[in-house]
């Protein structure tokens, strides 16, 4: 059980279907992830394409460097 500042148990009733009251974790803890960051998809496709391009360049460079090691 949840305790108060005095160390006694919380006297509030649990939310229906939950084991705790809304002050001690009965309600939802929030959405998963930051949905406000994706207001539109204007930059998402461009960013993903740039990331793919950079990853391929990096992979090519790493492959070239591995060939230089004796």
Protein backbone atom coordinates (compact mmCIF):
# COMPACT_ATOMS: atom_id res chain seq x y z
CA UNK A 1 0.00 0.00 0.00
CA UNK A 2 0.99 3.60 -0.46
CA UNK A 3 1.92 5.55 2.64
CA UNK A 4 1.31 9.15 3.59
CA UNK A 5 3.91 11.60 4.88
CA UNK A 6 3.11 10.45 8.42
CA UNK A 7 3.94 6.88 7.48
CA UNK A 8 0.36 5.65 7.72
CA UNK A 9 -1.48 3.98 4.86
CA UNK A 10 -3.34 6.15 2.37
CA UNK A 11 -7.04 6.31 3.28
CA UNK A 12 -8.31 7.16 -0.19
CA UNK A 13 -10.24 4.42 -1.96
CA UNK A 14 -8.65 2.68 -4.93
CA UNK A 15 -9.82 3.51 -8.42
CA UNK A 16 -12.23 0.96 -9.87
CA UNK A 17 -10.23 -1.87 -11.39
CA UNK A 18 -6.96 -0.68 -9.82
CA UNK A 19 -5.16 -1.35 -6.57
CA UNK A 20 -4.22 2.26 -5.80
CA UNK A 21 -5.87 5.68 -5.59
CA UNK A 22 -5.36 8.32 -8.27
CA UNK A 23 -2.78 10.14 -6.11
CA UNK A 24 -0.60 7.07 -5.72
CA UNK A 25 -0.51 5.59 -9.18
CA UNK A 26 -4.04 4.50 -10.01
CA UNK A 27 -4.42 6.68 -13.06
CA UNK A 28 -2.46 6.44 -16.26
CA UNK A 29 1.17 7.50 -16.07
CA UNK A 30 0.97 9.25 -19.42
CA UNK A 31 1.40 8.50 -23.07
CA UNK A 32 4.29 6.41 -24.32
CA UNK A 33 6.70 8.63 -26.20
CA UNK A 34 6.43 12.26 -27.21
CA UNK A 35 3.60 12.49 -29.69
CA UNK A 36 3.82 16.31 -29.76
CA UNK A 37 7.15 16.08 -31.56
CA UNK A 38 5.38 14.67 -34.64
CA UNK A 39 2.92 17.39 -35.55
CA UNK A 40 3.45 16.78 -39.25
CA UNK A 41 5.60 14.54 -41.41
CA UNK A 42 7.28 17.27 -43.41
CA UNK A 43 10.79 16.51 -42.23
CA UNK A 44 10.44 12.86 -41.27
CA UNK A 45 10.99 11.44 -44.76
CA UNK A 46 13.88 13.80 -45.47
CA UNK A 47 15.52 12.99 -42.15
CA UNK A 48 15.20 9.25 -42.63
CA UNK A 49 16.62 9.49 -46.14
CA UNK A 50 19.57 11.52 -44.86
CA UNK A 51 20.19 9.00 -42.08
CA UNK A 52 20.17 6.14 -44.60
CA UNK A 53 22.63 7.99 -46.82
CA UNK A 54 24.96 8.77 -43.91
CA UNK A 55 24.83 5.16 -42.71
CA UNK A 56 25.80 3.87 -46.16
CA UNK A 57 28.68 6.36 -46.40
CA UNK A 58 29.89 5.33 -42.95
CA UNK A 59 29.65 1.64 -43.80
CA UNK A 60 31.64 2.18 -47.02
CA UNK A 61 34.32 4.12 -45.15
CA UNK A 62 34.57 1.51 -42.40
CA UNK A 63 34.88 -1.26 -44.99
CA UNK A 64 37.68 0.70 -46.67
CA UNK A 65 39.48 1.19 -43.38
CA UNK A 66 39.26 -2.51 -42.52
CA UNK A 67 41.04 -3.30 -45.77
CA UNK A 68 43.96 -1.07 -44.75
CA UNK A 69 44.78 -2.98 -41.55
CA UNK A 70 47.70 -5.41 -42.03
